[in-house]
Protein backbone atom coordinates (compact mmCIF):
# COMPACT_ATOMS: atom_id res chain seq x y z
CA MET A 1 80.83 1.93 -2.70
CA SER A 2 78.14 -0.49 -3.09
CA ARG A 3 78.40 -4.06 -4.48
CA LEU A 4 76.61 -3.33 -7.78
CA LYS A 5 79.12 -0.48 -8.28
CA GLN A 6 82.20 -2.64 -7.48
CA LYS A 7 80.58 -5.20 -9.87
CA TYR A 8 79.71 -2.73 -12.58
CA ILE A 9 83.53 -1.54 -12.65
CA LYS A 10 85.41 -4.78 -12.15
CA GLU A 11 83.21 -7.16 -14.19
CA VAL A 12 80.67 -5.28 -16.47
CA ILE A 13 82.80 -2.52 -18.08
CA PRO A 14 85.62 -5.18 -19.43
CA ALA A 15 83.07 -7.73 -20.71
CA MET A 16 81.24 -4.59 -22.40
CA LYS A 17 83.98 -3.41 -23.64
CA GLU A 18 85.39 -6.76 -25.08
CA LYS A 19 81.73 -7.63 -26.74
CA PHE A 20 80.53 -4.49 -28.21
CA GLY A 21 84.04 -2.83 -29.03
CA TYR A 22 84.20 0.27 -26.91
CA LYS A 23 87.23 2.32 -26.83
CA ASN A 24 86.77 4.42 -23.31
CA ASP A 25 85.24 3.11 -20.17
CA LEU A 26 82.59 6.19 -20.21
CA ALA A 27 81.39 4.75 -23.55
CA VAL A 28 80.09 1.70 -21.83
CA PRO A 29 76.16 1.94 -20.97
CA ARG A 30 75.49 2.35 -17.41
CA LEU A 31 72.54 2.58 -14.89
CA GLU A 32 70.97 6.37 -15.18
CA ARG A 33 68.08 6.03 -12.71
CA ALA A 34 65.21 3.78 -11.15
CA ILE A 35 61.64 4.95 -10.65
CA LEU A 36 59.16 3.37 -8.83
CA ASN A 37 55.51 4.26 -9.75
CA VAL A 38 52.16 3.37 -8.25
CA GLY A 39 48.60 4.28 -9.76
CA LEU A 40 46.09 5.22 -7.27
CA GLY A 41 42.88 4.32 -8.82
CA PRO A 42 41.38 2.79 -5.71
CA ALA A 43 42.28 6.00 -3.91
CA LEU A 44 39.32 7.71 -5.54
CA LYS A 45 37.01 5.84 -3.29
CA ASP A 46 39.42 5.03 -0.57
CA SER A 47 41.13 8.09 0.84
CA LYS A 48 43.25 5.86 3.45
CA PHE A 49 44.76 4.13 0.32
CA MET A 50 46.87 6.91 -0.75
CA ASP A 51 48.61 7.17 2.95
CA THR A 52 49.10 3.49 2.78
CA VAL A 53 50.91 3.79 -0.87
CA GLU A 54 52.96 6.88 0.79
CA ASN A 55 53.98 5.07 3.47
CA THR A 56 54.90 1.76 1.16
CA LEU A 57 57.06 4.04 -1.01
CA LEU A 58 58.75 5.59 1.72
CA LYS A 59 59.61 2.38 3.42
CA ILE A 60 61.15 0.66 0.15
CA THR A 61 63.27 3.51 -1.11
CA GLY A 62 63.77 5.88 2.03
CA GLN A 63 62.69 8.62 -0.07
CA LYS A 64 59.43 10.56 0.02
CA PRO A 65 57.41 10.03 -2.97
CA ILE A 66 55.92 12.77 -5.30
CA LYS A 67 52.23 13.06 -6.05
CA THR A 68 51.36 12.88 -9.90
CA LEU A 69 48.27 14.93 -10.86
CA ALA A 70 45.95 14.53 -13.77
CA LYS A 71 46.60 16.39 -16.69
CA LYS A 72 43.10 16.76 -18.06
CA SER A 73 39.69 15.66 -16.93
CA VAL A 74 38.57 12.10 -17.82
CA SER A 75 34.66 11.80 -16.95
CA SER A 76 34.35 8.06 -17.34
CA PHE A 77 36.79 7.29 -14.92
CA LYS A 78 35.61 10.43 -12.73
CA ILE A 79 38.78 11.87 -12.70
CA ARG A 80 39.41 16.06 -12.65
CA LYS A 81 42.32 18.03 -13.76
CA GLY A 82 44.79 18.08 -10.89
CA MET A 83 43.65 15.21 -9.09
CA VAL A 84 46.09 13.02 -7.78
CA VAL A 85 46.29 9.74 -9.78
CA GLY A 86 49.76 8.18 -8.94
CA MET A 87 52.58 8.38 -6.87
CA LYS A 88 56.58 8.03 -7.75
CA VAL A 89 59.87 8.01 -6.59
CA THR A 90 63.17 8.78 -8.83
CA LEU A 91 66.22 6.94 -7.36
CA ARG A 92 69.58 8.16 -8.71
CA GLY A 93 73.15 7.48 -7.58
CA GLU A 94 74.04 5.10 -4.39
CA ARG A 95 70.22 4.98 -3.35
CA MET A 96 69.70 3.36 -6.67
CA ASN A 97 72.43 1.08 -6.88
CA ASP A 98 71.37 0.25 -3.60
CA PHE A 99 67.71 -0.30 -4.54
CA VAL A 100 68.83 -2.23 -7.74
CA ASP A 101 71.07 -4.49 -5.99
CA LYS A 102 67.85 -5.35 -3.50
CA LEU A 103 65.78 -5.56 -6.56
CA ILE A 104 68.05 -8.36 -8.04
CA ASN A 105 68.95 -10.54 -5.12
CA ILE A 106 65.75 -10.19 -2.68
CA ALA A 107 62.77 -8.76 -4.46
CA LEU A 108 62.82 -10.56 -7.70
CA PRO A 109 63.50 -14.12 -6.07
CA ARG A 110 60.60 -13.71 -3.56
CA VAL A 111 58.18 -13.27 -6.43
CA ARG A 112 55.46 -15.81 -6.54
CA ASP A 113 55.96 -18.62 -9.44
CA PHE A 114 58.89 -16.40 -10.84
CA ARG A 115 60.83 -18.18 -13.68
CA GLY A 116 62.91 -15.33 -14.71
CA LEU A 117 62.27 -11.87 -16.69
CA SER A 118 61.20 -12.00 -20.35
CA PRO A 119 63.83 -10.28 -22.62
CA GLN A 120 60.55 -8.66 -24.28
CA ILE A 121 59.99 -6.19 -21.40
CA MET A 122 62.92 -4.18 -22.88
CA ASP A 123 61.23 -0.88 -24.48
CA GLY A 124 63.48 -0.33 -27.32
CA ARG A 125 65.87 2.23 -26.03
CA GLY A 126 67.69 -0.40 -23.41
CA ASN A 127 65.40 0.41 -20.39
CA LEU A 128 63.77 -2.29 -18.32
CA ALA A 129 60.21 -1.78 -17.00
CA ILE A 130 59.18 -4.47 -14.67
CA GLY A 131 55.42 -4.69 -12.68
CA PHE A 132 54.75 -6.30 -9.45
CA LYS A 133 51.17 -7.53 -8.62
CA GLU A 134 52.23 -7.18 -4.96
CA HIS A 135 54.11 -4.80 -2.84
CA ILE A 136 55.00 -7.45 -0.30
CA VAL A 137 58.32 -8.90 -2.15
CA PHE A 138 60.29 -6.16 -0.97
CA PRO A 139 62.19 -6.92 2.54
CA GLU A 140 60.90 -3.87 4.37
CA ILE A 141 57.17 -4.60 3.91
CA LYS A 142 56.01 -7.02 6.75
CA PRO A 143 53.12 -9.01 5.25
CA ASP A 144 51.24 -9.17 8.43
CA GLU A 145 51.13 -5.56 8.80
CA VAL A 146 49.69 -4.92 5.31
CA GLU A 147 46.00 -3.41 5.16
CA LYS A 148 45.97 -3.52 1.38
CA LEU A 149 47.75 -4.83 -1.18
CA HIS A 150 48.77 -3.22 -4.31
CA GLY A 151 50.93 -3.13 -7.32
CA LEU A 152 54.03 -1.23 -8.52
CA GLU A 153 56.04 -0.60 -11.31
CA VAL A 154 59.82 -0.24 -11.49
CA VAL A 155 61.38 1.28 -14.15
CA VAL A 156 65.46 0.88 -14.59
CA VAL A 157 66.74 3.44 -17.03
CA THR A 158 70.06 2.89 -18.46
CA THR A 159 72.41 4.90 -21.12
CA ALA A 160 72.18 1.93 -23.57
CA THR A 161 71.32 3.12 -27.19
CA ASP A 162 69.42 -0.11 -28.07
CA ASP A 163 67.76 -3.27 -26.24
CA ARG A 164 70.91 -5.33 -27.39
CA GLU A 165 73.42 -3.34 -25.26
CA GLY A 166 71.00 -2.74 -22.42
CA LEU A 167 69.89 -6.46 -22.08
CA GLU A 168 73.56 -7.39 -22.01
CA LEU A 169 74.48 -4.56 -19.50
CA LEU A 170 71.48 -5.93 -17.12
CA LYS A 171 72.35 -9.49 -17.69
CA LEU A 172 76.06 -8.70 -16.88
CA LEU A 173 74.63 -6.81 -13.54
CA GLY A 174 72.73 -9.90 -12.55
CA PHE A 175 69.18 -9.39 -13.65
CA PRO A 176 67.56 -13.08 -14.11
CA PHE A 177 66.57 -13.17 -17.49
CA ARG A 178 65.02 -16.29 -19.10
CA GLU A 179 66.11 -17.83 -22.70
CA LYS A 180 63.61 -16.86 -25.52
């Protein structure tokens, strides 16, 4: 069992039951999935960029990313329907727990000028979306081997019904939120 899962069972469930008055352990919000997403804007001009992004996501998650396709053509962006415009990986279960643990304890502290996450980045339904300008904050990526820097987005989806419950869940799990 991962460290995050043990922390959830031993610390988070009792604290959430006390604060929000849940009667049952299964009513307590939990992490549902983590999604990593990279847009491939520069790949329209540079074909090697797509391979770089795929290898990066594969190293970070241990899972092959899927290619997201354009749903319609946009002439001003030179995008045609069916073109690859991004890549994403969805993690669930043990892989998600391991990734979120790595995100909290290793990746976020390595972000340049990091002073904590803003509580305002919650989406209104208890989910958290974090954007990284550089993918080299993850320990699997060696900065001297990087050809091109790119950003990525991490979305942590919870079963919480609103931001108040989701924020409390994520704080108890160890996400470093700053005070308003």
